[in-house]
N, C-alpha and C. Protein backbone atom coordinates (compact mmCIF):
# COMPACT_ATOMS: atom_id res chain seq x y z
N GLN A 1 0.87 -1.05 -0.02
CA GLN A 1 -0.48 0.15 -0.54
C GLN A 1 0.57 0.88 0.24
N VAL A 2 0.31 2.13 -0.94
CA VAL A 2 0.93 3.48 -1.26
C VAL A 2 0.98 4.17 -0.73
N GLN A 3 1.77 4.74 1.12
CA GLN A 3 0.49 6.36 1.52
C GLN A 3 1.69 7.96 0.86
N LEU A 4 0.98 8.66 0.48
CA LEU A 4 1.22 9.73 0.53
C LEU A 4 0.77 10.46 1.08
N VAL A 5 1.24 11.89 1.46
CA VAL A 5 2.08 12.74 2.92
C VAL A 5 1.75 14.76 1.73
N GLU A 6 0.46 14.93 1.54
CA GLU A 6 1.27 16.08 1.23
C GLU A 6 1.09 17.07 2.54
N SER A 7 2.79 18.26 2.04
CA SER A 7 2.66 19.63 2.77
C SER A 7 2.99 20.53 2.36
N GLY A 8 2.99 21.41 2.58
CA GLY A 8 3.62 23.07 2.07
C GLY A 8 2.50 24.05 2.18
N GLY A 9 0.98 23.31 2.39
CA GLY A 9 0.19 24.33 2.06
C GLY A 9 -0.17 25.23 3.64
N GLY A 10 -1.32 26.26 3.56
CA GLY A 10 -1.76 27.46 4.44
C GLY A 10 -1.65 28.47 3.56
N LEU A 11 -1.69 29.63 4.16
CA LEU A 11 -2.25 30.90 4.72
C LEU A 11 -1.18 31.81 3.70
N VAL A 12 -1.72 32.58 2.21
CA VAL A 12 -1.33 33.47 1.63
C VAL A 12 -1.51 35.03 0.90
N GLN A 13 -0.27 35.51 1.12
CA GLN A 13 -2.02 36.91 0.40
C GLN A 13 -2.18 37.08 -0.98
N PRO A 14 -2.84 37.44 -1.80
CA PRO A 14 -2.53 37.56 -3.52
C PRO A 14 -1.05 37.45 -3.22
N GLY A 15 -1.24 37.40 -4.65
CA GLY A 15 0.30 37.36 -4.97
C GLY A 15 1.79 36.31 -4.30
N GLY A 16 1.06 35.87 -3.13
CA GLY A 16 1.87 35.32 -3.12
C GLY A 16 2.84 33.31 -3.36
N SER A 17 3.46 33.32 -2.51
CA SER A 17 4.38 31.52 -2.72
C SER A 17 4.17 30.91 -1.93
N LEU A 18 3.54 30.00 -2.84
CA LEU A 18 4.09 28.52 -1.59
C LEU A 18 4.59 26.96 -2.46
N ARG A 19 5.22 26.55 -1.59
CA ARG A 19 5.65 25.26 -2.92
C ARG A 19 5.08 24.24 -1.99
N LEU A 20 4.03 22.96 -2.36
CA LEU A 20 3.38 21.86 -2.18
C LEU A 20 4.85 20.49 -2.36
N SER A 21 4.06 20.06 -1.28
CA SER A 21 5.22 18.69 -1.19
C SER A 21 4.07 17.58 -1.31
N CYS A 22 4.89 16.87 -1.81
CA CYS A 22 4.18 15.34 -1.98
C CYS A 22 5.34 13.75 -1.64
N SER A 23 5.17 13.12 -0.43
CA SER A 23 6.05 12.80 0.04
C SER A 23 5.62 11.39 -0.54
N ALA A 24 5.79 10.04 -1.25
CA ALA A 24 5.92 8.75 -1.50
C ALA A 24 6.14 7.56 -0.49
N SER A 25 5.31 7.11 0.27
CA SER A 25 5.91 5.27 1.16
C SER A 25 5.88 5.40 -0.65
N GLY A 26 7.31 3.62 0.03
CA GLY A 26 6.73 2.70 -0.95
C GLY A 26 7.54 2.12 -2.05
N SER A 27 7.22 1.78 -3.85
CA SER A 27 8.68 1.74 -4.65
C SER A 27 7.82 2.19 -5.60
N ILE A 28 6.82 2.24 -6.13
CA ILE A 28 6.51 2.86 -7.29
C ILE A 28 6.53 4.16 -7.73
N PHE A 29 7.08 4.95 -6.94
CA PHE A 29 7.03 6.23 -7.20
C PHE A 29 8.06 6.41 -8.64
N GLY A 30 8.75 5.76 -8.55
CA GLY A 30 9.92 6.06 -9.67
C GLY A 30 8.76 5.68 -11.14
N ILE A 31 8.05 4.49 -11.53
CA ILE A 31 7.43 4.33 -12.02
C ILE A 31 6.51 5.41 -12.48
N SER A 32 5.99 6.05 -12.25
CA SER A 32 4.74 6.52 -11.76
C SER A 32 3.94 7.88 -12.54
N ALA A 33 2.92 8.42 -13.09
CA ALA A 33 2.84 9.14 -13.01
C ALA A 33 1.95 10.44 -11.60
N MET A 34 2.92 11.37 -11.61
CA MET A 34 1.80 12.72 -10.73
C MET A 34 1.05 13.08 -10.35
N ALA A 35 0.82 14.20 -10.63
CA ALA A 35 -0.49 14.81 -10.45
C ALA A 35 -1.11 15.74 -9.23
N TRP A 36 -0.37 17.05 -9.47
CA TRP A 36 -2.07 17.82 -8.37
C TRP A 36 -3.09 18.00 -8.30
N TYR A 37 -4.10 17.53 -8.48
CA TYR A 37 -6.00 18.06 -8.19
C TYR A 37 -5.72 19.30 -7.22
N ARG A 38 -6.98 19.97 -7.58
CA ARG A 38 -7.17 21.04 -6.88
C ARG A 38 -8.73 20.83 -6.46
N GLN A 39 -9.53 20.79 -5.49
CA GLN A 39 -10.85 21.44 -5.29
C GLN A 39 -10.97 21.92 -4.17
N ALA A 40 -11.43 23.46 -4.93
CA ALA A 40 -12.76 24.47 -4.15
C ALA A 40 -14.18 24.55 -3.73
N PRO A 41 -14.08 25.33 -1.93
CA PRO A 41 -16.51 24.75 -1.73
C PRO A 41 -16.63 24.45 -3.40
N GLY A 42 -17.83 23.52 -3.22
CA GLY A 42 -18.77 23.55 -3.66
C GLY A 42 -18.45 23.61 -5.53
N LYS A 43 -17.31 23.03 -5.77
CA LYS A 43 -16.71 23.17 -6.97
C LYS A 43 -16.04 20.71 -6.51
N GLU A 44 -15.59 21.00 -8.10
CA GLU A 44 -15.73 19.13 -8.82
C GLU A 44 -14.13 19.66 -8.38
N ARG A 45 -13.16 18.51 -8.36
CA ARG A 45 -11.96 18.61 -7.71
C ARG A 45 -11.86 18.56 -9.28
N GLU A 46 -9.98 19.16 -9.50
CA GLU A 46 -9.55 19.33 -11.00
C GLU A 46 -8.15 19.38 -10.70
N LEU A 47 -7.35 18.90 -12.15
CA LEU A 47 -6.15 18.32 -12.71
C LEU A 47 -5.90 19.58 -12.50
N VAL A 48 -5.08 20.51 -11.97
CA VAL A 48 -3.75 21.04 -11.94
C VAL A 48 -2.52 21.34 -12.26
N ALA A 49 -2.67 20.38 -11.91
CA ALA A 49 -0.49 19.71 -13.55
C ALA A 49 -0.48 17.51 -13.22
N ASP A 50 1.10 17.77 -14.31
CA ASP A 50 1.04 16.02 -14.35
C ASP A 50 2.35 16.45 -14.74
N ILE A 51 2.71 15.25 -14.51
CA ILE A 51 4.65 15.20 -14.96
C ILE A 51 4.58 13.55 -14.92
N THR A 52 4.71 12.89 -16.24
CA THR A 52 5.23 11.77 -16.18
C THR A 52 6.53 10.77 -15.31
N SER A 53 6.26 10.01 -15.06
CA SER A 53 8.21 9.29 -14.58
C SER A 53 9.26 10.04 -16.07
N PHE A 54 9.07 9.83 -17.01
CA PHE A 54 10.41 10.93 -18.38
C PHE A 54 9.74 11.61 -17.76
N GLY A 55 9.16 12.47 -17.52
CA GLY A 55 8.62 13.98 -16.86
C GLY A 55 8.32 14.76 -17.87
N SER A 56 7.24 14.29 -18.77
CA SER A 56 6.55 14.81 -19.85
C SER A 56 5.78 15.47 -18.61
N ILE A 57 5.14 16.64 -19.15
CA ILE A 57 4.14 17.37 -18.39
C ILE A 57 3.64 17.64 -18.98
N TYR A 58 2.07 17.92 -18.11
CA TYR A 58 1.00 18.94 -18.85
C TYR A 58 0.83 20.01 -17.06
N VAL A 59 0.57 21.57 -17.72
CA VAL A 59 -0.23 22.23 -16.71
C VAL A 59 -1.44 22.88 -17.72
N ASP A 60 -2.24 22.69 -16.56
CA ASP A 60 -3.74 23.02 -16.49
C ASP A 60 -4.00 25.38 -17.25
N VAL A 61 -4.45 25.41 -18.32
CA VAL A 61 -3.96 27.02 -18.64
C VAL A 61 -4.80 28.05 -17.60
N SER A 62 -5.65 27.37 -16.11
CA SER A 62 -5.45 28.31 -15.36
C SER A 62 -3.99 28.60 -14.60
N VAL A 63 -3.35 27.94 -14.63
CA VAL A 63 -1.91 28.21 -13.72
C VAL A 63 -0.69 28.38 -14.26
N LYS A 64 -0.94 28.01 -15.43
CA LYS A 64 0.21 27.72 -17.05
C LYS A 64 1.42 29.44 -15.93
N GLY A 65 2.36 28.95 -15.55
CA GLY A 65 3.45 30.67 -16.31
C GLY A 65 2.71 31.05 -15.31
N ARG A 66 2.08 30.29 -13.60
CA ARG A 66 2.58 30.51 -12.32
C ARG A 66 2.48 29.18 -11.32
N PHE A 67 2.31 28.73 -11.84
CA PHE A 67 2.97 27.47 -11.43
C PHE A 67 2.71 26.35 -12.17
N THR A 68 4.30 25.31 -11.88
CA THR A 68 5.14 24.24 -12.05
C THR A 68 5.48 23.02 -11.36
N ILE A 69 5.50 22.59 -11.47
CA ILE A 69 5.53 20.69 -11.29
C ILE A 69 6.61 20.51 -11.25
N SER A 70 7.12 19.55 -10.45
CA SER A 70 8.31 18.82 -10.88
C SER A 70 8.48 17.52 -9.26
N ARG A 71 9.61 16.43 -9.70
CA ARG A 71 9.42 15.54 -8.72
C ARG A 71 10.95 14.88 -8.78
N GLU A 72 11.08 14.50 -7.60
CA GLU A 72 12.85 14.34 -7.37
C GLU A 72 12.64 13.34 -7.26
N ASP A 73 12.83 11.93 -7.74
CA ASP A 73 12.63 10.46 -8.13
C ASP A 73 13.52 9.46 -6.49
N ALA A 74 14.57 10.28 -6.78
CA ALA A 74 15.88 9.89 -5.47
C ALA A 74 14.76 10.45 -4.39
N LYS A 75 13.76 11.26 -4.06
CA LYS A 75 13.33 10.58 -2.35
C LYS A 75 11.88 11.01 -2.57
N ASN A 76 11.14 10.58 -3.95
CA ASN A 76 9.84 10.32 -3.93
C ASN A 76 9.29 10.91 -3.44
N THR A 77 9.51 12.27 -3.65
CA THR A 77 9.12 12.90 -3.82
C THR A 77 8.55 14.52 -4.89
N GLY A 78 7.18 14.64 -5.23
CA GLY A 78 6.64 15.52 -6.36
C GLY A 78 6.32 16.41 -5.39
N TYR A 79 6.09 17.75 -6.84
CA TYR A 79 5.95 19.29 -5.39
C TYR A 79 5.14 19.70 -6.98
N LEU A 80 5.16 21.00 -6.14
CA LEU A 80 4.01 22.38 -6.51
C LEU A 80 4.53 22.95 -6.38
N GLN A 81 5.06 23.66 -7.25
CA GLN A 81 5.30 25.62 -6.66
C GLN A 81 4.56 26.61 -7.13
N MET A 82 4.16 27.20 -6.54
CA MET A 82 2.76 27.81 -7.18
C MET A 82 3.05 29.81 -7.05
N HIS A 83 3.43 30.71 -8.07
CA HIS A 83 3.64 31.65 -7.63
C HIS A 83 2.70 32.94 -7.99
N SER A 84 2.49 33.78 -7.82
CA SER A 84 1.34 34.86 -7.85
C SER A 84 0.01 34.06 -7.97
N LEU A 85 -0.34 33.80 -6.59
CA LEU A 85 -1.31 33.66 -6.57
C LEU A 85 -2.18 33.77 -6.04
N ARG A 86 -3.44 33.42 -6.77
CA ARG A 86 -5.16 34.88 -6.71
C ARG A 86 -5.85 34.30 -5.69
N LEU A 87 -7.45 34.50 -5.83
CA LEU A 87 -8.18 34.72 -4.60
C LEU A 87 -8.54 33.42 -5.07
N ASP A 88 -9.13 33.35 -6.39
CA ASP A 88 -9.39 31.88 -6.91
C ASP A 88 -7.93 30.45 -6.93
N ASP A 89 -7.28 30.33 -6.72
CA ASP A 89 -6.34 29.04 -5.87
C ASP A 89 -7.16 28.83 -4.67
N THR A 90 -7.89 29.49 -4.47
CA THR A 90 -7.46 28.86 -2.46
C THR A 90 -8.57 27.72 -3.09
N ALA A 91 -8.05 26.99 -2.20
CA ALA A 91 -8.96 25.14 -2.68
C ALA A 91 -7.75 24.02 -1.62
N VAL A 92 -7.84 22.85 -1.88
CA VAL A 92 -7.21 21.92 -0.81
C VAL A 92 -6.72 21.35 -2.18
N TYR A 93 -5.84 21.00 -1.91
CA TYR A 93 -4.86 19.95 -2.92
C TYR A 93 -4.17 18.57 -3.02
N TYR A 94 -4.61 18.41 -3.54
CA TYR A 94 -4.97 17.25 -3.34
C TYR A 94 -3.22 16.02 -4.23
N CYS A 95 -2.51 15.73 -4.34
CA CYS A 95 -1.36 14.96 -4.64
C CYS A 95 -1.99 13.21 -5.49
N ASN A 96 -1.69 13.17 -6.25
CA ASN A 96 -2.02 11.77 -6.56
C ASN A 96 -1.34 10.97 -7.10
N LEU A 97 -1.06 9.81 -7.67
CA LEU A 97 0.25 8.91 -8.38
C LEU A 97 -0.27 8.28 -8.42
N HIS A 98 -0.40 7.79 -10.16
CA HIS A 98 -1.12 6.22 -10.77
C HIS A 98 -0.02 6.61 -11.52
N ASN A 99 -0.47 4.75 -12.17
CA ASN A 99 0.17 3.87 -13.91
C ASN A 99 -1.30 2.99 -13.85
N SER A 100 -0.50 2.47 -15.06
CA SER A 100 -1.90 1.24 -15.22
C SER A 100 -2.02 0.78 -14.03
N LEU A 101 -1.40 0.61 -13.58
CA LEU A 101 -2.02 -0.64 -12.51
C LEU A 101 -2.59 0.09 -10.78
N HIS A 102 -2.42 1.24 -10.55
CA HIS A 102 -2.74 1.98 -8.74
C HIS A 102 -2.88 3.59 -9.42
N ASN A 103 -3.72 3.29 -8.59
CA ASN A 103 -4.09 4.92 -8.66
C ASN A 103 -4.41 5.46 -6.91
N TYR A 104 -3.43 6.09 -7.06
CA TYR A 104 -3.57 6.26 -4.87
C TYR A 104 -3.29 7.69 -5.24
N TRP A 105 -4.14 8.50 -3.57
CA TRP A 105 -4.55 9.87 -2.92
C TRP A 105 -3.71 10.11 -1.76
N GLY A 106 -3.61 12.22 -1.74
CA GLY A 106 -3.65 12.36 -0.83
C GLY A 106 -4.26 12.47 0.13
N GLN A 107 -3.96 13.15 1.55
CA GLN A 107 -4.73 13.70 1.98
C GLN A 107 -5.43 14.67 1.64
N GLY A 108 -4.75 15.02 1.14
CA GLY A 108 -4.91 16.48 1.45
C GLY A 108 -4.25 17.48 1.72
N THR A 109 -3.95 19.11 1.48
CA THR A 109 -3.84 20.28 1.96
C THR A 109 -4.39 21.30 1.89
N GLN A 110 -4.81 22.12 2.47
CA GLN A 110 -5.39 23.84 2.28
C GLN A 110 -4.22 24.78 2.19
N VAL A 111 -4.71 25.44 1.28
CA VAL A 111 -4.01 26.18 0.15
C VAL A 111 -5.51 27.99 0.20
N THR A 112 -5.09 28.60 1.00
CA THR A 112 -6.27 30.13 1.02
C THR A 112 -5.52 31.02 0.71
N VAL A 113 -5.93 31.41 -0.56
CA VAL A 113 -5.36 32.84 -0.70
C VAL A 113 -6.30 34.35 0.62
N SER A 114 -5.25 35.02 0.55
CA SER A 114 -6.68 35.64 1.22
C SER A 114 -5.84 36.90 1.52
N SER A 115 -6.61 38.23 1.73
CA SER A 115 -5.80 39.41 2.51
C SER A 115 -6.44 39.99 4.03
């Protein structure tokens, strides 16, 4: 069983930055894609960014140019660097690890953008 633990969320002012981390247990991190999703109150969970095991990256247009996804396989850890945060970035952010056989979720970390 794989466990994903997110960290780095918090309260930040508009225009600020945060870096989320996702640490994975087990041995499948290096052979899996890692994604970040978010869910705002009253809205569906949406994909923010994804990075494959080969390093191919997808970033949603809503965060393109502001958010960067990366991974460090030697540490079984993925990251979401967020800059120029806006009020509508407020959400619970979830880490997801997936491949053809597995699909795991973290517990989520709250990001609140407020002045």
